[in-house]
Structures are given as structure tokens and as C-alpha cells.
Amino acid sequence: MNGSYLLDTNVFIEDPSCIHSLSDNGENEIYIPNHVLYELDNLKKDKTVGPITNQAIREIQANKDWLNFINTNDSYSQLTKNADY
């Protein structure tokens, strides 16, 4: 059974590589709203969660070909500029 996951920032902070386990080898669709990319981008310099968010950003950028991005037009960052909609 195929499923869909809409991910929020806290999911990436809990598990920066969550997209792989949630996709279940391509069986499920992963959706990431634009504001999540914006929030991750803003958190990457935070001393507590910065290393985690940087890992999440690398995972997203490396796998953007099969991820689905939701453009909400409410946020913008360098990371969102690189996402294909």
C-alpha cells in the first residue's frame, strides 16, 4: 500500500535522514513544504540543532529528484531557491 508523508521541521530534527525510511524504497511519497526548508536553513547556525539541520539539508539536496516540494509562497531561503517545484 502506497502512502504519503508531509514532513515538518521537527521530523528532520528528530531524524535527519528520515526521508529514506519513510519512502520505503520509493513505495511512499514524501512532501516537504517550502516553510520547512526555510526553517531548516535558519536553524543551521544554531549551536544545539545546527549539525542536525545541516545533515537534513544535505539529505534533502542529495535526494531532491524524488522528493516533492510544496511551494507555499510564504517563505524563501537559499535552500528553497534550489528546490525544483
N, C-alpha and C. Protein backbone atom coordinates (compact mmCIF):
# COMPACT_ATOMS: atom_id res chain seq x y z
N MET A 1 0.84 -1.19 0.00
CA MET A 1 0.00 0.00 0.00
C MET A 1 0.88 1.24 0.00
N ASN A 2 0.67 2.12 -0.94
CA ASN A 2 1.44 3.35 -1.02
C ASN A 2 0.86 4.40 -0.09
N GLY A 3 1.75 5.19 0.48
CA GLY A 3 1.32 6.24 1.38
C GLY A 3 1.99 7.55 1.02
N SER A 4 1.58 8.58 1.71
CA SER A 4 2.16 9.91 1.53
C SER A 4 2.50 10.48 2.88
N TYR A 5 3.64 11.15 2.96
CA TYR A 5 4.07 11.78 4.19
C TYR A 5 4.35 13.26 3.94
N LEU A 6 3.77 14.09 4.77
CA LEU A 6 4.00 15.53 4.75
C LEU A 6 4.89 15.82 5.95
N LEU A 7 6.13 16.21 5.70
CA LEU A 7 7.11 16.35 6.78
C LEU A 7 7.21 17.78 7.28
N ASP A 8 7.39 17.90 8.58
CA ASP A 8 7.59 19.19 9.22
C ASP A 8 9.02 19.25 9.75
N THR A 9 9.43 20.42 10.14
CA THR A 9 10.80 20.65 10.59
C THR A 9 11.20 19.71 11.72
N ASN A 10 10.32 19.51 12.68
CA ASN A 10 10.66 18.69 13.84
C ASN A 10 10.99 17.24 13.45
N VAL A 11 10.42 16.76 12.36
CA VAL A 11 10.72 15.40 11.90
C VAL A 11 12.18 15.32 11.48
N PHE A 12 12.67 16.33 10.77
CA PHE A 12 14.07 16.34 10.34
C PHE A 12 15.03 16.52 11.51
N ILE A 13 14.61 17.26 12.53
CA ILE A 13 15.46 17.44 13.70
C ILE A 13 15.55 16.13 14.49
N GLU A 14 14.47 15.40 14.53
CA GLU A 14 14.46 14.10 15.22
C GLU A 14 15.28 13.06 14.46
N ASP A 15 15.16 13.06 13.12
CA ASP A 15 15.88 12.08 12.29
C ASP A 15 16.22 12.74 10.95
N PRO A 16 17.43 13.27 10.81
CA PRO A 16 17.81 13.99 9.59
C PRO A 16 17.74 13.17 8.31
N SER A 17 17.80 11.86 8.42
CA SER A 17 17.73 11.01 7.23
C SER A 17 16.38 10.30 7.12
N CYS A 18 15.36 10.87 7.73
CA CYS A 18 14.03 10.24 7.78
C CYS A 18 13.42 9.99 6.40
N ILE A 19 13.83 10.75 5.40
CA ILE A 19 13.22 10.59 4.08
C ILE A 19 13.44 9.18 3.52
N HIS A 20 14.54 8.56 3.90
CA HIS A 20 14.84 7.22 3.38
C HIS A 20 13.94 6.16 4.00
N SER A 21 13.79 6.20 5.30
CA SER A 21 12.95 5.18 5.95
C SER A 21 11.47 5.40 5.62
N LEU A 22 11.05 6.66 5.54
CA LEU A 22 9.64 6.95 5.25
C LEU A 22 9.27 6.64 3.80
N SER A 23 10.23 6.77 2.89
CA SER A 23 9.92 6.49 1.49
C SER A 23 9.73 4.99 1.24
N ASP A 24 10.31 4.17 2.10
CA ASP A 24 10.18 2.71 1.97
C ASP A 24 10.54 2.26 0.56
N ASN A 25 11.76 2.62 0.15
CA ASN A 25 12.27 2.26 -1.18
C ASN A 25 11.38 2.73 -2.32
N GLY A 26 10.85 3.94 -2.18
CA GLY A 26 10.04 4.53 -3.24
C GLY A 26 8.58 4.16 -3.20
N GLU A 27 8.16 3.38 -2.24
CA GLU A 27 6.76 2.98 -2.14
C GLU A 27 5.87 4.14 -1.69
N ASN A 28 6.42 5.07 -0.91
CA ASN A 28 5.66 6.19 -0.36
C ASN A 28 6.17 7.51 -0.92
N GLU A 29 5.29 8.47 -1.02
CA GLU A 29 5.65 9.81 -1.48
C GLU A 29 5.97 10.69 -0.29
N ILE A 30 7.02 11.51 -0.44
CA ILE A 30 7.44 12.42 0.62
C ILE A 30 7.20 13.84 0.14
N TYR A 31 6.50 14.63 0.95
CA TYR A 31 6.21 16.03 0.65
C TYR A 31 6.86 16.92 1.70
N ILE A 32 7.53 17.97 1.23
CA ILE A 32 8.19 18.92 2.12
C ILE A 32 7.71 20.32 1.77
N PRO A 33 6.99 20.98 2.68
CA PRO A 33 6.56 22.36 2.42
C PRO A 33 7.75 23.32 2.38
N ASN A 34 7.59 24.35 1.61
CA ASN A 34 8.62 25.37 1.47
C ASN A 34 9.06 25.95 2.82
N HIS A 35 8.10 26.15 3.74
CA HIS A 35 8.46 26.74 5.02
C HIS A 35 9.38 25.84 5.85
N VAL A 36 9.34 24.53 5.61
CA VAL A 36 10.25 23.62 6.31
C VAL A 36 11.68 23.86 5.83
N LEU A 37 11.85 24.03 4.54
CA LEU A 37 13.19 24.33 4.00
C LEU A 37 13.71 25.65 4.58
N TYR A 38 12.82 26.61 4.67
CA TYR A 38 13.17 27.92 5.23
C TYR A 38 13.59 27.77 6.69
N GLU A 39 12.83 27.03 7.47
CA GLU A 39 13.16 26.86 8.89
C GLU A 39 14.46 26.10 9.07
N LEU A 40 14.69 25.05 8.30
CA LEU A 40 15.95 24.32 8.39
C LEU A 40 17.12 25.23 8.04
N ASP A 41 16.95 26.02 7.01
CA ASP A 41 18.01 26.94 6.60
C ASP A 41 18.34 27.94 7.72
N ASN A 42 17.32 28.41 8.41
CA ASN A 42 17.54 29.35 9.51
C ASN A 42 18.13 28.70 10.75
N LEU A 43 17.91 27.41 10.92
CA LEU A 43 18.41 26.70 12.11
C LEU A 43 19.83 26.16 11.94
N LYS A 44 20.38 26.20 10.74
CA LYS A 44 21.67 25.55 10.52
C LYS A 44 22.83 26.17 11.29
N LYS A 45 22.69 27.40 11.77
CA LYS A 45 23.75 28.03 12.56
C LYS A 45 23.50 27.94 14.07
N ASP A 46 22.39 27.34 14.45
CA ASP A 46 22.06 27.16 15.87
C ASP A 46 23.05 26.17 16.49
N LYS A 47 23.55 26.49 17.67
CA LYS A 47 24.56 25.65 18.31
C LYS A 47 24.01 24.29 18.72
N THR A 48 22.75 24.23 19.04
CA THR A 48 22.17 22.98 19.51
C THR A 48 21.76 22.06 18.37
N VAL A 49 21.01 22.58 17.42
CA VAL A 49 20.48 21.74 16.34
C VAL A 49 21.15 21.98 14.99
N GLY A 50 22.11 22.88 14.94
CA GLY A 50 22.78 23.19 13.68
C GLY A 50 23.35 21.99 12.95
N PRO A 51 24.14 21.15 13.63
CA PRO A 51 24.69 19.98 12.94
C PRO A 51 23.61 19.04 12.41
N ILE A 52 22.53 18.91 13.16
CA ILE A 52 21.43 18.04 12.74
C ILE A 52 20.74 18.61 11.51
N THR A 53 20.46 19.92 11.54
CA THR A 53 19.78 20.52 10.40
C THR A 53 20.67 20.54 9.17
N ASN A 54 21.97 20.71 9.35
CA ASN A 54 22.88 20.65 8.20
C ASN A 54 22.85 19.27 7.56
N GLN A 55 22.78 18.23 8.37
CA GLN A 55 22.68 16.87 7.81
C GLN A 55 21.36 16.71 7.06
N ALA A 56 20.27 17.22 7.63
CA ALA A 56 18.97 17.12 6.96
C ALA A 56 18.99 17.86 5.62
N ILE A 57 19.60 19.04 5.60
CA ILE A 57 19.71 19.82 4.37
C ILE A 57 20.49 19.05 3.31
N ARG A 58 21.59 18.43 3.71
CA ARG A 58 22.38 17.63 2.76
C ARG A 58 21.55 16.47 2.21
N GLU A 59 20.78 15.82 3.08
CA GLU A 59 19.93 14.70 2.64
C GLU A 59 18.88 15.18 1.63
N ILE A 60 18.27 16.31 1.91
CA ILE A 60 17.24 16.86 1.01
C ILE A 60 17.86 17.22 -0.33
N GLN A 61 19.00 17.91 -0.31
CA GLN A 61 19.63 18.33 -1.55
C GLN A 61 20.09 17.13 -2.38
N ALA A 62 20.59 16.10 -1.74
CA ALA A 62 21.08 14.93 -2.46
C ALA A 62 19.94 14.10 -3.06
N ASN A 63 18.74 14.27 -2.53
CA ASN A 63 17.61 13.44 -2.98
C ASN A 63 16.45 14.25 -3.55
N LYS A 64 16.71 15.48 -3.93
CA LYS A 64 15.63 16.37 -4.38
C LYS A 64 14.94 15.89 -5.65
N ASP A 65 15.57 14.98 -6.39
CA ASP A 65 14.96 14.49 -7.63
C ASP A 65 13.70 13.67 -7.38
N TRP A 66 13.60 13.02 -6.25
CA TRP A 66 12.42 12.20 -5.99
C TRP A 66 11.54 12.73 -4.86
N LEU A 67 11.95 13.81 -4.23
CA LEU A 67 11.14 14.43 -3.19
C LEU A 67 10.13 15.39 -3.83
N ASN A 68 9.04 15.64 -3.14
CA ASN A 68 8.01 16.56 -3.62
C ASN A 68 8.01 17.79 -2.73
N PHE A 69 8.15 18.96 -3.34
CA PHE A 69 8.19 20.21 -2.59
C PHE A 69 6.89 20.97 -2.79
N ILE A 70 6.40 21.53 -1.71
CA ILE A 70 5.15 22.29 -1.74
C ILE A 70 5.50 23.76 -1.60
N ASN A 71 5.23 24.51 -2.65
CA ASN A 71 5.53 25.94 -2.65
C ASN A 71 4.36 26.69 -2.03
N THR A 72 4.60 27.24 -0.84
CA THR A 72 3.54 27.97 -0.15
C THR A 72 3.63 29.48 -0.39
N ASN A 73 4.70 29.92 -1.05
CA ASN A 73 4.93 31.35 -1.32
C ASN A 73 5.05 32.18 -0.05
N ASP A 74 5.18 31.54 1.10
CA ASP A 74 5.27 32.26 2.37
C ASP A 74 6.70 32.39 2.88
N SER A 75 7.62 31.68 2.29
CA SER A 75 8.99 31.71 2.81
C SER A 75 9.97 31.50 1.67
N TYR A 76 11.18 31.98 1.92
CA TYR A 76 12.21 31.88 0.91
C TYR A 76 13.57 31.79 1.60
N SER A 77 14.43 30.97 1.09
CA SER A 77 15.80 30.88 1.56
C SER A 77 16.66 30.38 0.41
N GLN A 78 17.95 30.33 0.61
CA GLN A 78 18.85 29.79 -0.41
C GLN A 78 18.50 28.34 -0.71
N LEU A 79 18.09 27.60 0.30
CA LEU A 79 17.73 26.19 0.11
C LEU A 79 16.48 26.07 -0.76
N THR A 80 15.48 26.90 -0.52
CA THR A 80 14.26 26.80 -1.32
C THR A 80 14.51 27.21 -2.77
N LYS A 81 15.47 28.07 -2.98
CA LYS A 81 15.80 28.50 -4.34
C LYS A 81 16.29 27.31 -5.17
N ASN A 82 16.92 26.34 -4.52
CA ASN A 82 17.48 25.19 -5.21
C ASN A 82 16.49 24.05 -5.41
N ALA A 83 15.33 24.16 -4.80
CA ALA A 83 14.33 23.09 -4.92
C ALA A 83 13.56 23.26 -6.23
N ASP A 84 13.31 22.15 -6.86
CA ASP A 84 12.52 22.16 -8.10
C ASP A 84 11.06 21.96 -7.74
N TYR A 85 10.19 22.80 -8.25
CA TYR A 85 8.77 22.69 -7.96
C TYR A 85 8.03 22.13 -9.14
